[in-house]
């Protein structure tokens, strides 16, 4: 079974023609998806300890940061699988856990929204 992390990579390639970029030498497993023209980020995937996003435990979990409409962030953060943005502006970005809690269709919708908002 393909990981959600890999599904995000595939979606970026198929929909936007962008390959993951690894800008953090210290964190080689982290990657960003960028606009081709201005290189603005529209998605950031990281693996972080669960307790860094407010969950119990220290084992790593994959997360996705996406730019999101501020009026939608508050609503989504009340749902399972959504958290205040990790290491990003919490007013404009949202963290989504990539453990199956949030359906892939919703993750793709958020990536699309982030792509449009980051343009």
PDB file of N, CA and C in Angstrom:
ATOM      1  N   UNK A   1       0.837  -1.188   0.000  1.00  0.00           N
ATOM      2  CA  UNK A   1       0.000   0.000   0.000  1.00  0.00           C
ATOM      3  C   UNK A   1       0.882   1.252   0.000  1.00  0.00           C
ATOM      4  N   UNK A   2       0.561   2.186  -0.864  1.00  0.00           N
ATOM      5  CA  UNK A   2       1.338   3.411  -0.992  1.00  0.00           C
ATOM      6  C   UNK A   2       1.057   4.327   0.196  1.00  0.00           C
ATOM      7  N   UNK A   3       2.108   4.927   0.744  1.00  0.00           N
ATOM      8  CA  UNK A   3       1.932   5.854   1.860  1.00  0.00           C
ATOM      9  C   UNK A   3       1.256   7.128   1.373  1.00  0.00           C
ATOM     10  N   UNK A   4       0.630   7.832   2.303  1.00  0.00           N
ATOM     11  CA  UNK A   4       0.005   9.107   1.962  1.00  0.00           C
ATOM     12  C   UNK A   4       1.088  10.104   1.558  1.00  0.00           C
ATOM     13  N   UNK A   5       2.239  10.022   2.192  1.00  0.00           N
ATOM     14  CA  UNK A   5       3.383  10.875   1.818  1.00  0.00           C
ATOM     15  C   UNK A   5       3.687  10.698   0.330  1.00  0.00           C
ATOM     16  N   UNK A   6       3.758   9.463  -0.133  1.00  0.00           N
ATOM     17  CA  UNK A   6       4.029   9.200  -1.547  1.00  0.00           C
ATOM     18  C   UNK A   6       2.871   9.633  -2.436  1.00  0.00           C
ATOM     19  N   UNK A   7       1.650   9.521  -1.926  1.00  0.00           N
ATOM     20  CA  UNK A   7       0.485   9.983  -2.694  1.00  0.00           C
ATOM     21  C   UNK A   7       0.539  11.496  -2.892  1.00  0.00           C
ATOM     22  N   UNK A   8       1.041  12.233  -1.897  1.00  0.00           N
ATOM     23  CA  UNK A   8       1.202  13.686  -2.025  1.00  0.00           C
ATOM     24  C   UNK A   8       2.241  13.993  -3.109  1.00  0.00           C
ATOM     25  N   UNK A   9       3.339  13.266  -3.107  1.00  0.00           N
ATOM     26  CA  UNK A   9       4.364  13.444  -4.144  1.00  0.00           C
ATOM     27  C   UNK A   9       3.766  13.174  -5.520  1.00  0.00           C
ATOM     28  N   UNK A  10       3.063  12.058  -5.655  1.00  0.00           N
ATOM     29  CA  UNK A  10       2.451  11.701  -6.939  1.00  0.00           C
ATOM     30  C   UNK A  10       1.457  12.760  -7.392  1.00  0.00           C
ATOM     31  N   UNK A  11       0.658  13.276  -6.471  1.00  0.00           N
ATOM     32  CA  UNK A  11      -0.335  14.286  -6.808  1.00  0.00           C
ATOM     33  C   UNK A  11       0.342  15.571  -7.303  1.00  0.00           C
ATOM     34  N   UNK A  12       1.399  15.980  -6.630  1.00  0.00           N
ATOM     35  CA  UNK A  12       2.136  17.162  -7.068  1.00  0.00           C
ATOM     36  C   UNK A  12       2.694  16.987  -8.475  1.00  0.00           C
ATOM     37  N   UNK A  13       3.192  15.795  -8.764  1.00  0.00           N
ATOM     38  CA  UNK A  13       3.748  15.513 -10.093  1.00  0.00           C
ATOM     39  C   UNK A  13       2.644  15.488 -11.149  1.00  0.00           C
ATOM     40  N   UNK A  14       1.566  14.762 -10.856  1.00  0.00           N
ATOM     41  CA  UNK A  14       0.498  14.571 -11.839  1.00  0.00           C
ATOM     42  C   UNK A  14      -0.291  15.858 -12.095  1.00  0.00           C
ATOM     43  N   UNK A  15      -0.673  16.563 -11.042  1.00  0.00           N
ATOM     44  CA  UNK A  15      -1.543  17.735 -11.190  1.00  0.00           C
ATOM     45  C   UNK A  15      -0.766  19.002 -11.545  1.00  0.00           C
ATOM     46  N   UNK A  16       0.398  19.177 -10.930  1.00  0.00           N
ATOM     47  CA  UNK A  16       1.119  20.446 -11.092  1.00  0.00           C
ATOM     48  C   UNK A  16       2.476  20.308 -11.780  1.00  0.00           C
ATOM     49  N   UNK A  17       2.894  19.095 -12.066  1.00  0.00           N
ATOM     50  CA  UNK A  17       4.162  18.884 -12.748  1.00  0.00           C
ATOM     51  C   UNK A  17       5.367  19.286 -11.931  1.00  0.00           C
ATOM     52  N   UNK A  18       5.261  19.173 -10.593  1.00  0.00           N
ATOM     53  CA  UNK A  18       6.379  19.557  -9.731  1.00  0.00           C
ATOM     54  C   UNK A  18       6.875  18.357  -8.928  1.00  0.00           C
ATOM     55  N   UNK A  19       8.171  18.249  -8.863  1.00  0.00           N
ATOM     56  CA  UNK A  19       8.812  17.207  -8.067  1.00  0.00           C
ATOM     57  C   UNK A  19       9.083  17.763  -6.675  1.00  0.00           C
ATOM     58  N   UNK A  20       9.165  16.903  -5.684  1.00  0.00           N
ATOM     59  CA  UNK A  20       9.488  17.388  -4.345  1.00  0.00           C
ATOM     60  C   UNK A  20      10.888  17.989  -4.303  1.00  0.00           C
ATOM     61  N   UNK A  21      11.007  19.076  -3.568  1.00  0.00           N
ATOM     62  CA  UNK A  21      12.284  19.752  -3.364  1.00  0.00           C
ATOM     63  C   UNK A  21      12.678  19.544  -1.908  1.00  0.00           C
ATOM     64  N   UNK A  22      13.933  19.260  -1.661  1.00  0.00           N
ATOM     65  CA  UNK A  22      14.432  18.996  -0.309  1.00  0.00           C
ATOM     66  C   UNK A  22      15.365  20.134   0.108  1.00  0.00           C
ATOM     67  N   UNK A  23      14.807  21.252   0.614  1.00  0.00           N
ATOM     68  CA  UNK A  23      15.632  22.422   0.909  1.00  0.00           C
ATOM     69  C   UNK A  23      16.367  22.377   2.243  1.00  0.00           C
ATOM     70  N   UNK A  24      16.069  21.384   3.070  1.00  0.00           N
ATOM     71  CA  UNK A  24      16.659  21.352   4.412  1.00  0.00           C
ATOM     72  C   UNK A  24      17.686  20.238   4.513  1.00  0.00           C
ATOM     73  N   UNK A  25      18.947  20.598   4.432  1.00  0.00           N
ATOM     74  CA  UNK A  25      20.018  19.604   4.507  1.00  0.00           C
ATOM     75  C   UNK A  25      19.942  18.814   5.815  1.00  0.00           C
ATOM     76  N   UNK A  26      19.577  19.500   6.889  1.00  0.00           N
ATOM     77  CA  UNK A  26      19.504  18.865   8.206  1.00  0.00           C
ATOM     78  C   UNK A  26      18.338  17.874   8.305  1.00  0.00           C
ATOM     79  N   UNK A  27      17.323  18.055   7.453  1.00  0.00           N
ATOM     80  CA  UNK A  27      16.130  17.202   7.487  1.00  0.00           C
ATOM     81  C   UNK A  27      15.868  16.653   6.083  1.00  0.00           C
ATOM     82  N   UNK A  28      16.605  15.650   5.668  1.00  0.00           N
ATOM     83  CA  UNK A  28      16.477  15.159   4.291  1.00  0.00           C
ATOM     84  C   UNK A  28      15.129  14.514   3.970  1.00  0.00           C
ATOM     85  N   UNK A  29      14.361  14.119   4.981  1.00  0.00           N
ATOM     86  CA  UNK A  29      13.055  13.519   4.712  1.00  0.00           C
ATOM     87  C   UNK A  29      11.967  14.567   4.482  1.00  0.00           C
ATOM     88  N   UNK A  30      12.229  15.811   4.836  1.00  0.00           N
ATOM     89  CA  UNK A  30      11.271  16.894   4.600  1.00  0.00           C
ATOM     90  C   UNK A  30      11.313  17.264   3.121  1.00  0.00           C
ATOM     91  N   UNK A  31      10.154  17.638   2.578  1.00  0.00           N
ATOM     92  CA  UNK A  31      10.145  18.162   1.213  1.00  0.00           C
ATOM     93  C   UNK A  31       9.066  19.208   1.050  1.00  0.00           C
ATOM     94  N   UNK A  32       9.266  20.057   0.058  1.00  0.00           N
ATOM     95  CA  UNK A  32       8.279  21.078  -0.293  1.00  0.00           C
ATOM     96  C   UNK A  32       7.864  20.886  -1.739  1.00  0.00           C
ATOM     97  N   UNK A  33       6.634  21.317  -2.020  1.00  0.00           N
ATOM     98  CA  UNK A  33       6.157  21.442  -3.386  1.00  0.00           C
ATOM     99  C   UNK A  33       6.073  22.933  -3.664  1.00  0.00           C
ATOM    100  N   UNK A  34       6.641  23.350  -4.784  1.00  0.00           N
ATOM    101  CA  UNK A  34       6.743  24.778  -5.120  1.00  0.00           C
ATOM    102  C   UNK A  34       6.096  25.064  -6.469  1.00  0.00           C
ATOM    103  N   UNK A  35       5.611  26.295  -6.610  1.00  0.00           N
ATOM    104  CA  UNK A  35       5.175  26.773  -7.917  1.00  0.00           C
ATOM    105  C   UNK A  35       6.389  26.797  -8.831  1.00  0.00           C
ATOM    106  N   UNK A  36       6.186  26.443 -10.078  1.00  0.00           N
ATOM    107  CA  UNK A  36       7.292  26.437 -11.037  1.00  0.00           C
ATOM    108  C   UNK A  36       7.800  27.840 -11.335  1.00  0.00           C
ATOM    109  N   UNK A  37       6.889  28.809 -11.433  1.00  0.00           N
ATOM    110  CA  UNK A  37       7.290  30.140 -11.882  1.00  0.00           C
ATOM    111  C   UNK A  37       8.002  30.965 -10.817  1.00  0.00           C
ATOM    112  N   UNK A  38       7.439  31.037  -9.616  1.00  0.00           N
ATOM    113  CA  UNK A  38       8.044  31.905  -8.588  1.00  0.00           C
ATOM    114  C   UNK A  38       8.625  31.132  -7.406  1.00  0.00           C
ATOM    115  N   UNK A  39       8.538  29.817  -7.461  1.00  0.00           N
ATOM    116  CA  UNK A  39       9.083  28.921  -6.436  1.00  0.00           C
ATOM    117  C   UNK A  39       8.466  29.096  -5.051  1.00  0.00           C
ATOM    118  N   UNK A  40       7.285  29.720  -4.964  1.00  0.00           N
ATOM    119  CA  UNK A  40       6.593  29.808  -3.680  1.00  0.00           C
ATOM    120  C   UNK A  40       6.101  28.425  -3.277  1.00  0.00           C
ATOM    121  N   UNK A  41       6.222  28.144  -2.001  1.00  0.00           N
ATOM    122  CA  UNK A  41       5.772  26.860  -1.483  1.00  0.00           C
ATOM    123  C   UNK A  41       4.256  26.806  -1.454  1.00  0.00           C
ATOM    124  N   UNK A  42       3.707  25.620  -1.765  1.00  0.00           N
ATOM    125  CA  UNK A  42       2.284  25.406  -1.529  1.00  0.00           C
ATOM    126  C   UNK A  42       2.029  24.153  -0.709  1.00  0.00           C
ATOM    127  N   UNK A  43       3.063  23.403  -0.414  1.00  0.00           N
ATOM    128  CA  UNK A  43       2.931  22.241   0.470  1.00  0.00           C
ATOM    129  C   UNK A  43       4.295  21.927   1.080  1.00  0.00           C
ATOM    130  N   UNK A  44       4.264  21.525   2.332  1.00  0.00           N
ATOM    131  CA  UNK A  44       5.470  21.131   3.052  1.00  0.00           C
ATOM    132  C   UNK A  44       5.163  19.848   3.805  1.00  0.00           C
ATOM    133  N   UNK A  45       5.921  18.791   3.543  1.00  0.00           N
ATOM    134  CA  UNK A  45       5.738  17.511   4.234  1.00  0.00           C
ATOM    135  C   UNK A  45       6.938  17.273   5.137  1.00  0.00           C
ATOM    136  N   UNK A  46       6.633  16.920   6.390  1.00  0.00           N
ATOM    137  CA  UNK A  46       7.671  16.665   7.386  1.00  0.00           C
ATOM    138  C   UNK A  46       7.299  15.417   8.182  1.00  0.00           C
ATOM    139  N   UNK A  47       8.261  14.845   8.846  1.00  0.00           N
ATOM    140  CA  UNK A  47       7.968  13.825   9.851  1.00  0.00           C
ATOM    141  C   UNK A  47       8.486  14.373  11.176  1.00  0.00           C
ATOM    142  N   UNK A  48       7.570  14.491  12.131  1.00  0.00           N
ATOM    143  CA  UNK A  48       7.889  15.107  13.420  1.00  0.00           C
ATOM    144  C   UNK A  48       7.358  14.232  14.548  1.00  0.00           C
ATOM    145  N   UNK A  49       7.931  14.364  15.737  1.00  0.00           N
ATOM    146  CA  UNK A  49       7.378  13.639  16.880  1.00  0.00           C
ATOM    147  C   UNK A  49       5.929  14.074  17.131  1.00  0.00           C
ATOM    148  N   UNK A  50       5.083  13.119  17.447  1.00  0.00           N
ATOM    149  CA  UNK A  50       3.663  13.401  17.670  1.00  0.00           C
ATOM    150  C   UNK A  50       3.445  14.527  18.681  1.00  0.00           C
ATOM    151  N   UNK A  51       4.269  14.551  19.732  1.00  0.00           N
ATOM    152  CA  UNK A  51       4.049  15.556  20.784  1.00  0.00           C
ATOM    153  C   UNK A  51       4.312  16.976  20.294  1.00  0.00           C
ATOM    154  N   UNK A  52       4.982  17.138  19.162  1.00  0.00           N
ATOM    155  CA  UNK A  52       5.227  18.476  18.604  1.00  0.00           C
ATOM    156  C   UNK A  52       3.958  19.102  18.032  1.00  0.00           C
ATOM    157  N   UNK A  53       2.969  18.256  17.696  1.00  0.00           N
ATOM    158  CA  UNK A  53       1.712  18.799  17.168  1.00  0.00           C
ATOM    159  C   UNK A  53       0.560  18.626  18.161  1.00  0.00           C
ATOM    160  N   UNK A  54       0.898  18.223  19.386  1.00  0.00           N
ATOM    161  CA  UNK A  54      -0.121  18.136  20.426  1.00  0.00           C
ATOM    162  C   UNK A  54      -0.703  16.759  20.660  1.00  0.00           C
ATOM    163  N   UNK A  55      -0.101  15.733  20.071  1.00  0.00           N
ATOM    164  CA  UNK A  55      -0.562  14.363  20.282  1.00  0.00           C
ATOM    165  C   UNK A  55       0.308  13.677  21.331  1.00  0.00           C
ATOM    166  N   UNK A  56      -0.195  12.583  21.866  1.00  0.00           N
ATOM    167  CA  UNK A  56       0.568  11.782  22.815  1.00  0.00           C
ATOM    168  C   UNK A  56       1.626  10.975  22.075  1.00  0.00           C
ATOM    169  N   UNK A  57       2.801  10.888  22.663  1.00  0.00           N
ATOM    170  CA  UNK A  57       3.842  10.032  22.112  1.00  0.00           C
ATOM    171  C   UNK A  57       4.975  10.813  21.476  1.00  0.00           C
ATOM    172  N   UNK A  58       6.094  10.122  21.342  1.00  0.00           N
ATOM    173  CA  UNK A  58       7.282  10.738  20.764  1.00  0.00           C
ATOM    174  C   UNK A  58       7.661  10.134  19.420  1.00  0.00           C
ATOM    175  N   UNK A  59       6.904   9.128  18.956  1.00  0.00           N
ATOM    176  CA  UNK A  59       7.230   8.546  17.657  1.00  0.00           C
ATOM    177  C   UNK A  59       6.863   9.530  16.551  1.00  0.00           C
ATOM    178  N   UNK A  60       7.618   9.458  15.456  1.00  0.00           N
ATOM    179  CA  UNK A  60       7.406  10.382  14.346  1.00  0.00           C
ATOM    180  C   UNK A  60       6.140  10.046  13.566  1.00  0.00           C
ATOM    181  N   UNK A  61       5.532  11.092  13.048  1.00  0.00           N
ATOM    182  CA  UNK A  61       4.357  10.971  12.193  1.00  0.00           C
ATOM    183  C   UNK A  61       4.528  11.954  11.035  1.00  0.00           C
ATOM    184  N   UNK A  62       4.072  11.557   9.848  1.00  0.00           N
ATOM    185  CA  UNK A  62       4.126  12.454   8.697  1.00  0.00           C
ATOM    186  C   UNK A  62       3.027  13.503   8.813  1.00  0.00           C
ATOM    187  N   UNK A  63       3.389  14.741   8.503  1.00  0.00           N
ATOM    188  CA  UNK A  63       2.421  15.836   8.486  1.00  0.00           C
ATOM    189  C   UNK A  63       2.592  16.641   7.208  1.00  0.00           C
ATOM    190  N   UNK A  64       1.530  17.347   6.855  1.00  0.00           N
ATOM    191  CA  UNK A  64       1.518  18.220   5.678  1.00  0.00           C
ATOM    192  C   UNK A  64       1.091  19.603   6.127  1.00  0.00           C
ATOM    193  N   UNK A  65       1.862  20.612   5.762  1.00  0.00           N
ATOM    194  CA  UNK A  65       1.461  22.009   5.970  1.00  0.00           C
ATOM    195  C   UNK A  65       0.982  22.551   4.635  1.00  0.00           C
ATOM    196  N   UNK A  66      -0.214  23.165   4.665  1.00  0.00           N
ATOM    197  CA  UNK A  66      -0.777  23.780   3.472  1.00  0.00           C
ATOM    198  C   UNK A  66      -1.295  25.164   3.818  1.00  0.00           C
ATOM    199  N   UNK A  67      -1.252  26.050   2.834  1.00  0.00           N
ATOM    200  CA  UNK A  67      -1.851  27.365   2.997  1.00  0.00           C
ATOM    201  C   UNK A  67      -3.359  27.168   2.896  1.00  0.00           C
ATOM    202  N   UNK A  68      -4.100  27.874   3.744  1.00  0.00           N
ATOM    203  CA  UNK A  68      -5.535  27.644   3.823  1.00  0.00           C
ATOM    204  C   UNK A  68      -6.252  28.967   4.051  1.00  0.00           C
ATOM    205  N   UNK A  69      -7.464  29.076   3.548  1.00  0.00           N
ATOM    206  CA  UNK A  69      -8.261  30.284   3.770  1.00  0.00           C
ATOM    207  C   UNK A  69      -8.474  30.455   5.268  1.00  0.00           C
ATOM    208  N   UNK A  70      -8.139  31.623   5.833  1.00  0.00           N
ATOM    209  CA  UNK A  70      -8.255  31.824   7.281  1.00  0.00           C
ATOM    210  C   UNK A  70      -9.634  31.469   7.841  1.00  0.00           C
ATOM    211  N   UNK A  71     -10.698  31.733   7.097  1.00  0.00           N
ATOM    212  CA  UNK A  71     -12.039  31.433   7.588  1.00  0.00           C
ATOM    213  C   UNK A  71     -12.305  29.929   7.665  1.00  0.00           C
ATOM    214  N   UNK A  72     -11.519  29.122   6.971  1.00  0.00           N
ATOM    215  CA  UNK A  72     -11.690  27.670   7.005  1.00  0.00           C
ATOM    216  C   UNK A  72     -10.807  27.008   8.064  1.00  0.00           C
ATOM    217  N   UNK A  73      -9.715  27.656   8.426  1.00  0.00           N
ATOM    218  CA  UNK A  73      -8.770  27.058   9.373  1.00  0.00           C
ATOM    219  C   UNK A  73      -9.430  26.721  10.698  1.00  0.00           C
ATOM    220  N   UNK A  74     -10.183  27.652  11.264  1.00  0.00           N
ATOM    221  CA  UNK A  74     -10.819  27.416  12.558  1.00  0.00           C
ATOM    222  C   UNK A  74     -11.757  26.228  12.547  1.00  0.00           C
ATOM    223  N   UNK A  75     -12.522  26.098  11.478  1.00  0.00           N
ATOM    224  CA  UNK A  75     -13.457  24.978  11.352  1.00  0.00           C
ATOM    225  C   UNK A  75     -12.710  23.664  11.224  1.00  0.00           C
ATOM    226  N   UNK A  76     -11.707  23.628  10.360  1.00  0.00           N
ATOM    227  CA  UNK A  76     -10.959  22.388  10.153  1.00  0.00           C
ATOM    228  C   UNK A  76     -10.227  21.958  11.417  1.00  0.00           C
ATOM    229  N   UNK A  77      -9.681  22.912  12.155  1.00  0.00           N
ATOM    230  CA  UNK A  77      -8.918  22.555  13.361  1.00  0.00           C
ATOM    231  C   UNK A  77      -9.785  21.910  14.429  1.00  0.00           C
ATOM    232  N   UNK A  78     -11.090  22.003  14.304  1.00  0.00           N
ATOM    233  CA  UNK A  78     -12.002  21.330  15.243  1.00  0.00           C
ATOM    234  C   UNK A  78     -12.216  19.873  14.849  1.00  0.00           C
ATOM    235  N   UNK A  79     -11.736  19.484  13.676  1.00  0.00           N
ATOM    236  CA  UNK A  79     -11.903  18.124  13.170  1.00  0.00           C
ATOM    237  C   UNK A  79     -10.652  17.297  13.430  1.00  0.00           C
ATOM    238  N   UNK A  80     -10.840  15.992  13.546  1.00  0.00           N
ATOM    239  CA  UNK A  80      -9.718  15.077  13.756  1.00  0.00           C
ATOM    240  C   UNK A  80      -8.739  15.156  12.593  1.00  0.00           C
ATOM    241  N   UNK A  81      -7.461  15.183  12.910  1.00  0.00           N
ATOM    242  CA  UNK A  81      -6.422  15.152  11.899  1.00  0.00           C
ATOM    243  C   UNK A  81      -5.883  16.508  11.490  1.00  0.00           C
ATOM    244  N   UNK A  82      -6.447  17.587  12.062  1.00  0.00           N
ATOM    245  CA  UNK A  82      -6.019  18.943  11.722  1.00  0.00           C
ATOM    246  C   UNK A  82      -5.458  19.637  12.953  1.00  0.00           C
ATOM    247  N   UNK A  83      -4.395  20.424  12.750  1.00  0.00           N
ATOM    248  CA  UNK A  83      -3.683  21.051  13.855  1.00  0.00           C
ATOM    249  C   UNK A  83      -3.233  22.455  13.458  1.00  0.00           C
ATOM    250  N   UNK A  84      -2.927  23.289  14.470  1.00  0.00           N
ATOM    251  CA  UNK A  84      -2.309  24.578  14.145  1.00  0.00           C
ATOM    252  C   UNK A  84      -1.037  24.327  13.328  1.00  0.00           C
ATOM    253  N   UNK A  85      -0.762  25.195  12.417  1.00  0.00           N
ATOM    254  CA  UNK A  85       0.385  25.011  11.528  1.00  0.00           C
ATOM    255  C   UNK A  85       1.674  24.824  12.318  1.00  0.00           C
ATOM    256  N   UNK A  86       2.423  23.793  11.967  1.00  0.00           N
ATOM    257  CA  UNK A  86       3.703  23.519  12.593  1.00  0.00           C
ATOM    258  C   UNK A  86       4.778  24.309  11.861  1.00  0.00           C
ATOM    259  N   UNK A  87       5.413  25.236  12.556  1.00  0.00           N
ATOM    260  CA  UNK A  87       6.503  26.065  12.019  1.00  0.00           C
ATOM    261  C   UNK A  87       6.085  26.961  10.853  1.00  0.00           C
ATOM    262  N   UNK A  88       4.813  27.296  10.777  1.00  0.00           N
ATOM    263  CA  UNK A  88       4.339  28.210   9.731  1.00  0.00           C
ATOM    264  C   UNK A  88       3.371  29.191  10.382  1.00  0.00           C
ATOM    265  N   UNK A  89       2.992  30.226   9.645  1.00  0.00           N
ATOM    266  CA  UNK A  89       2.034  31.218  10.116  1.00  0.00           C
ATOM    267  C   UNK A  89       0.693  30.530  10.382  1.00  0.00           C
ATOM    268  N   UNK A  90       0.255  30.555  11.631  1.00  0.00           N
ATOM    269  CA  UNK A  90      -0.945  29.828  12.021  1.00  0.00           C
ATOM    270  C   UNK A  90      -2.240  30.475  11.531  1.00  0.00           C
ATOM    271  N   UNK A  91      -2.152  31.714  11.066  1.00  0.00           N
ATOM    272  CA  UNK A  91      -3.345  32.381  10.528  1.00  0.00           C
ATOM    273  C   UNK A  91      -3.612  31.967   9.084  1.00  0.00           C
ATOM    274  N   UNK A  92      -2.566  31.580   8.367  1.00  0.00           N
ATOM    275  CA  UNK A  92      -2.709  31.278   6.946  1.00  0.00           C
ATOM    276  C   UNK A  92      -2.326  29.844   6.568  1.00  0.00           C
ATOM    277  N   UNK A  93      -1.768  29.103   7.496  1.00  0.00           N
ATOM    278  CA  UNK A  93      -1.338  27.730   7.213  1.00  0.00           C
ATOM    279  C   UNK A  93      -1.974  26.770   8.211  1.00  0.00           C
ATOM    280  N   UNK A  94      -2.076  25.524   7.805  1.00  0.00           N
ATOM    281  CA  UNK A  94      -2.725  24.467   8.582  1.00  0.00           C
ATOM    282  C   UNK A  94      -1.882  23.202   8.470  1.00  0.00           C
ATOM    283  N   UNK A  95      -1.813  22.427   9.541  1.00  0.00           N
ATOM    284  CA  UNK A  95      -1.128  21.142   9.515  1.00  0.00           C
ATOM    285  C   UNK A  95      -2.157  20.024   9.459  1.00  0.00           C
ATOM    286  N   UNK A  96      -1.896  19.055   8.587  1.00  0.00           N
ATOM    287  CA  UNK A  96      -2.751  17.885   8.413  1.00  0.00           C
ATOM    288  C   UNK A  96      -1.894  16.660   8.692  1.00  0.00           C
ATOM    289  N   UNK A  97      -2.380  15.765   9.544  1.00  0.00           N
ATOM    290  CA  UNK A  97      -1.638  14.535   9.821  1.00  0.00           C
ATOM    291  C   UNK A  97      -1.862  13.564   8.659  1.00  0.00           C
ATOM    292  N   UNK A  98      -0.804  12.890   8.259  1.00  0.00           N
ATOM    293  CA  UNK A  98      -0.873  11.973   7.114  1.00  0.00           C
ATOM    294  C   UNK A  98      -0.871  10.518   7.573  1.00  0.00           C
ATOM    295  N   UNK A  99      -1.783  10.201   8.485  1.00  0.00           N
ATOM    296  CA  UNK A  99      -1.856   8.843   9.028  1.00  0.00           C
ATOM    297  C   UNK A  99      -3.141   8.115   8.641  1.00  0.00           C
ATOM    298  N   UNK A 100      -3.916   8.688   7.718  1.00  0.00           N
ATOM    299  CA  UNK A 100      -5.175   8.076   7.305  1.00  0.00           C
ATOM    300  C   UNK A 100      -6.393   8.688   7.974  1.00  0.00           C
ATOM    301  N   UNK A 101      -6.179   9.537   8.972  1.00  0.00           N
ATOM    302  CA  UNK A 101      -7.299  10.191   9.656  1.00  0.00           C
ATOM    303  C   UNK A 101      -8.077  11.069   8.687  1.00  0.00           C
ATOM    304  N   UNK A 102      -7.352  11.818   7.863  1.00  0.00           N
ATOM    305  CA  UNK A 102      -7.967  12.709   6.873  1.00  0.00           C
ATOM    306  C   UNK A 102      -7.932  11.989   5.524  1.00  0.00           C
ATOM    307  N   UNK A 103      -9.085  11.852   4.868  1.00  0.00           N
ATOM    308  CA  UNK A 103      -9.122  11.141   3.576  1.00  0.00           C
ATOM    309  C   UNK A 103      -8.249  11.823   2.515  1.00  0.00           C
ATOM    310  N   UNK A 104      -7.690  11.007   1.629  1.00  0.00           N
ATOM    311  CA  UNK A 104      -6.802  11.516   0.592  1.00  0.00           C
ATOM    312  C   UNK A 104      -7.502  12.558  -0.280  1.00  0.00           C
ATOM    313  N   UNK A 105      -8.775  12.388  -0.546  1.00  0.00           N
ATOM    314  CA  UNK A 105      -9.514  13.366  -1.344  1.00  0.00           C
ATOM    315  C   UNK A 105      -9.517  14.745  -0.703  1.00  0.00           C
ATOM    316  N   UNK A 106      -9.661  14.791   0.612  1.00  0.00           N
ATOM    317  CA  UNK A 106      -9.633  16.062   1.338  1.00  0.00           C
ATOM    318  C   UNK A 106      -8.224  16.648   1.322  1.00  0.00           C
ATOM    319  N   UNK A 107      -7.218  15.807   1.449  1.00  0.00           N
ATOM    320  CA  UNK A 107      -5.831  16.271   1.385  1.00  0.00           C
ATOM    321  C   UNK A 107      -5.558  16.896   0.018  1.00  0.00           C
ATOM    322  N   UNK A 108      -6.014  16.258  -1.042  1.00  0.00           N
ATOM    323  CA  UNK A 108      -5.827  16.808  -2.387  1.00  0.00           C
ATOM    324  C   UNK A 108      -6.553  18.140  -2.536  1.00  0.00           C
ATOM    325  N   UNK A 109      -7.773  18.245  -1.998  1.00  0.00           N
ATOM    326  CA  UNK A 109      -8.524  19.497  -2.066  1.00  0.00           C
ATOM    327  C   UNK A 109      -7.742  20.622  -1.384  1.00  0.00           C
ATOM    328  N   UNK A 110      -7.155  20.308  -0.232  1.00  0.00           N
ATOM    329  CA  UNK A 110      -6.384  21.311   0.502  1.00  0.00           C
ATOM    330  C   UNK A 110      -5.100  21.693  -0.239  1.00  0.00           C
ATOM    331  N   UNK A 111      -4.468  20.727  -0.885  1.00  0.00           N
ATOM    332  CA  UNK A 111      -3.283  21.034  -1.695  1.00  0.00           C
ATOM    333  C   UNK A 111      -3.677  21.963  -2.845  1.00  0.00           C
ATOM    334  N   UNK A 112      -4.804  21.675  -3.493  1.00  0.00           N
ATOM    335  CA  UNK A 112      -5.279  22.542  -4.589  1.00  0.00           C
ATOM    336  C   UNK A 112      -5.546  23.954  -4.091  1.00  0.00           C
ATOM    337  N   UNK A 113      -6.211  24.062  -2.925  1.00  0.00           N
ATOM    338  CA  UNK A 113      -6.494  25.377  -2.366  1.00  0.00           C
ATOM    339  C   UNK A 113      -5.182  26.107  -2.046  1.00  0.00           C
ATOM    340  N   UNK A 114      -4.247  25.387  -1.473  1.00  0.00           N
ATOM    341  CA  UNK A 114      -2.961  25.975  -1.130  1.00  0.00           C
ATOM    342  C   UNK A 114      -2.234  26.456  -2.376  1.00  0.00           C
ATOM    343  N   UNK A 115      -2.304  25.661  -3.435  1.00  0.00           N
ATOM    344  CA  UNK A 115      -1.671  26.052  -4.697  1.00  0.00           C
ATOM    345  C   UNK A 115      -2.240  27.387  -5.181  1.00  0.00           C
ATOM    346  N   UNK A 116      -3.565  27.519  -5.130  1.00  0.00           N
ATOM    347  CA  UNK A 116      -4.208  28.762  -5.587  1.00  0.00           C
ATOM    348  C   UNK A 116      -3.886  29.939  -4.662  1.00  0.00           C
ATOM    349  N   UNK A 117      -3.899  29.709  -3.357  1.00  0.00           N
ATOM    350  CA  UNK A 117      -3.644  30.781  -2.397  1.00  0.00           C
ATOM    351  C   UNK A 117      -2.183  31.223  -2.386  1.00  0.00           C
ATOM    352  N   UNK A 118      -1.288  30.343  -2.796  1.00  0.00           N
ATOM    353  CA  UNK A 118       0.148  30.651  -2.773  1.00  0.00           C
ATOM    354  C   UNK A 118       0.630  31.290  -4.058  1.00  0.00           C
ATOM    355  N   UNK A 119      -0.228  31.386  -5.028  1.00  0.00           N
ATOM    356  CA  UNK A 119       0.156  31.939  -6.333  1.00  0.00           C
ATOM    357  C   UNK A 119       0.335  33.441  -6.281  1.00  0.00           C
TER     358      UNK A 119
END
